[in-house]
Amino acid sequence: MIDETDSRLLSALQANAQITAQELGEVLNLSASQAARRRARLEAEGLITGYAARLSPERLGLTVQAFVQVQMAAHAPETAKCFLRLIATLPEVVACWTLTGEADYLLRVWCADLPALNDLIHHRLLPNPAVARVQSQIVMAQPKPDSGLPV
């Protein structure tokens, strides 16, 4: 279980993973060493699974974000393994979820442009024998950016 101080610590880290122990202590009204120990405990307990930088897709030349629904040709374990091996080789796929409903997987992808998205779908996803059908939705805008988990 986490207490209210742990919750505030996690919120602060989600907002700025580079926050120092001194700054964290100030936010939590704790000493820097107490804040650092709490952070270390939450890391050891697996509540904090890592730290990452948020990159600017636009500055990296990635102008098209899309969600791609994939329906599998069959639902055998080997088919899923084949598909997941393919997904692991595609850097454009930044997230992958299994779903209930008509689609089996939902992919979040970032591409340089529409021709790159077209290439991903028509030359890398659809030719795979595990894939029966693909449907994509192109993101027009993202009014709420990716945010941390509610803690």
Protein backbone atom coordinates (compact mmCIF):
# COMPACT_ATOMS: atom_id res chain seq x y z
CA MET A 1 0.00 0.00 0.00
CA ILE A 2 1.10 3.52 -0.66
CA ASP A 3 0.34 6.45 1.57
CA GLU A 4 -0.50 10.03 0.64
CA THR A 5 3.17 11.05 0.66
CA ASP A 6 4.07 8.19 -1.69
CA SER A 7 1.22 9.28 -3.95
CA ARG A 8 2.54 12.85 -4.06
CA LEU A 9 6.05 11.52 -4.72
CA LEU A 10 4.82 9.43 -7.65
CA SER A 11 2.91 12.39 -9.08
CA ALA A 12 5.99 14.58 -8.81
CA LEU A 13 8.12 11.95 -10.59
CA GLN A 14 5.58 11.56 -13.37
CA ALA A 15 5.70 15.32 -13.92
CA ASN A 16 9.51 15.44 -13.80
CA ALA A 17 11.53 12.24 -13.58
CA GLN A 18 14.73 14.26 -13.23
CA ILE A 19 13.65 15.93 -10.00
CA THR A 20 16.45 15.84 -7.45
CA ALA A 21 16.11 14.39 -3.97
CA GLN A 22 16.44 17.93 -2.61
CA GLU A 23 13.59 19.22 -4.80
CA LEU A 24 11.50 16.15 -4.05
CA GLY A 25 12.02 16.67 -0.34
CA GLU A 26 10.79 20.25 -0.68
CA VAL A 27 7.64 19.10 -2.51
CA LEU A 28 6.96 16.43 0.13
CA ASN A 29 8.06 18.45 3.19
CA LEU A 30 10.72 15.82 3.91
CA SER A 31 14.48 15.89 4.05
CA ALA A 32 16.31 15.04 0.84
CA SER A 33 17.49 11.74 2.36
CA GLN A 34 13.95 10.75 3.42
CA ALA A 35 12.63 11.57 -0.06
CA ALA A 36 15.44 9.57 -1.66
CA ARG A 37 14.74 6.57 0.59
CA ARG A 38 11.03 6.67 -0.29
CA ARG A 39 11.87 6.83 -3.99
CA ALA A 40 14.30 3.91 -3.64
CA ARG A 41 11.65 1.87 -1.76
CA LEU A 42 9.04 2.52 -4.46
CA GLU A 43 11.57 1.48 -7.10
CA ALA A 44 12.45 -1.71 -5.16
CA GLU A 45 8.76 -2.53 -4.70
CA GLY A 46 8.17 -2.21 -8.45
CA LEU A 47 5.82 0.78 -8.34
CA ILE A 48 8.40 2.76 -10.31
CA THR A 49 9.40 0.61 -13.26
CA GLY A 50 11.76 3.00 -15.02
CA TYR A 51 12.44 6.50 -16.25
CA ALA A 52 12.18 7.83 -19.79
CA ALA A 53 12.52 11.05 -21.75
CA ARG A 54 9.52 12.38 -23.69
CA LEU A 55 10.67 13.22 -27.20
CA SER A 56 9.08 15.63 -29.67
CA PRO A 57 7.67 13.62 -32.60
CA GLU A 58 7.58 16.75 -34.78
CA ARG A 59 11.22 17.59 -34.11
CA LEU A 60 12.10 14.00 -35.06
CA GLY A 61 10.20 14.32 -38.35
CA LEU A 62 7.27 12.15 -37.27
CA THR A 63 4.15 13.98 -38.45
CA VAL A 64 1.57 11.19 -38.59
CA GLN A 65 0.26 9.39 -35.52
CA ALA A 66 -2.28 6.65 -36.11
CA PHE A 67 -4.07 3.85 -34.35
CA VAL A 68 -4.16 0.63 -36.33
CA GLN A 69 -6.59 -2.15 -35.50
CA VAL A 70 -5.46 -5.60 -36.57
CA GLN A 71 -7.70 -8.62 -36.98
CA MET A 72 -5.88 -11.94 -37.00
CA ALA A 73 -6.31 -14.61 -39.67
CA ALA A 74 -6.48 -17.30 -36.99
CA HIS A 75 -6.37 -17.41 -33.22
CA ALA A 76 -3.78 -20.12 -32.73
CA PRO A 77 -0.89 -19.44 -30.31
CA GLU A 78 1.68 -19.72 -33.13
CA THR A 79 -0.20 -17.10 -35.17
CA ALA A 80 -0.02 -14.66 -32.28
CA LYS A 81 3.69 -15.39 -31.78
CA CYS A 82 4.35 -14.77 -35.48
CA PHE A 83 2.51 -11.45 -35.34
CA LEU A 84 4.26 -10.32 -32.16
CA ARG A 85 7.65 -11.19 -33.69
CA LEU A 86 6.74 -8.92 -36.61
CA ILE A 87 5.62 -6.09 -34.30
CA ALA A 88 8.91 -6.29 -32.38
CA THR A 89 10.77 -5.44 -35.62
CA LEU A 90 8.71 -2.34 -36.44
CA PRO A 91 10.06 0.80 -34.74
CA GLU A 92 7.02 2.78 -35.93
CA VAL A 93 4.84 0.72 -33.58
CA VAL A 94 5.29 2.46 -30.23
CA ALA A 95 2.58 0.54 -28.34
CA CYS A 96 0.55 -2.61 -28.85
CA TRP A 97 -2.49 -3.83 -26.96
CA THR A 98 -4.63 -6.98 -27.21
CA LEU A 99 -8.33 -6.22 -27.30
CA THR A 100 -11.75 -7.71 -26.89
CA GLY A 101 -14.19 -7.21 -29.75
CA GLU A 102 -13.70 -7.37 -33.51
CA ALA A 103 -10.03 -6.33 -33.59
CA ASP A 104 -7.45 -8.51 -31.88
CA TYR A 105 -4.71 -5.89 -31.52
CA LEU A 106 -4.51 -2.12 -31.41
CA LEU A 107 -1.25 -0.53 -32.50
CA ARG A 108 -0.18 3.03 -31.85
CA VAL A 109 2.17 4.10 -34.60
CA TRP A 110 4.22 7.17 -35.51
CA CYS A 111 5.32 7.68 -39.12
CA ALA A 112 7.12 10.42 -41.00
CA ASP A 113 4.21 10.96 -43.39
CA LEU A 114 1.20 9.30 -45.04
CA PRO A 115 3.29 7.36 -47.58
CA ALA A 116 5.27 5.88 -44.67
CA LEU A 117 2.02 4.86 -42.94
CA ASN A 118 0.81 3.36 -46.22
CA ASP A 119 4.06 1.41 -46.52
CA LEU A 120 3.77 0.13 -42.96
CA ILE A 121 0.23 -1.10 -43.51
CA HIS A 122 0.44 -2.43 -47.08
CA HIS A 123 4.00 -3.73 -47.24
CA ARG A 124 4.73 -4.90 -43.72
CA LEU A 125 1.50 -5.62 -41.83
CA LEU A 126 -0.93 -6.94 -44.46
CA PRO A 127 1.54 -9.33 -46.18
CA ASN A 128 2.08 -11.16 -42.89
CA PRO A 129 0.07 -14.42 -43.00
CA ALA A 130 -1.07 -13.88 -39.41
CA VAL A 131 -2.92 -10.69 -40.40
CA ALA A 132 -6.40 -10.91 -41.95
CA ARG A 133 -7.54 -7.28 -41.80
CA VAL A 134 -6.22 -3.87 -40.84
CA GLN A 135 -8.16 -0.68 -40.12
CA SER A 136 -6.43 2.59 -39.32
CA GLN A 137 -7.45 5.89 -37.80
CA ILE A 138 -5.17 8.88 -38.27
CA VAL A 139 -4.90 11.22 -35.31
CA MET A 140 -5.89 14.76 -36.30
CA ALA A 141 -5.00 16.39 -32.97
CA GLN A 142 -4.26 15.35 -29.41
CA PRO A 143 -6.10 17.79 -27.11
CA LYS A 144 -4.86 15.95 -24.01
CA PRO A 145 -1.24 14.84 -24.20
CA ASP A 146 -0.05 11.58 -22.72
CA SER A 147 -0.09 11.95 -18.98
CA GLY A 148 0.86 9.97 -15.92
CA LEU A 149 -1.30 7.48 -14.11
CA PRO A 150 -3.81 8.70 -11.54
CA VAL A 151 -2.16 8.28 -8.14
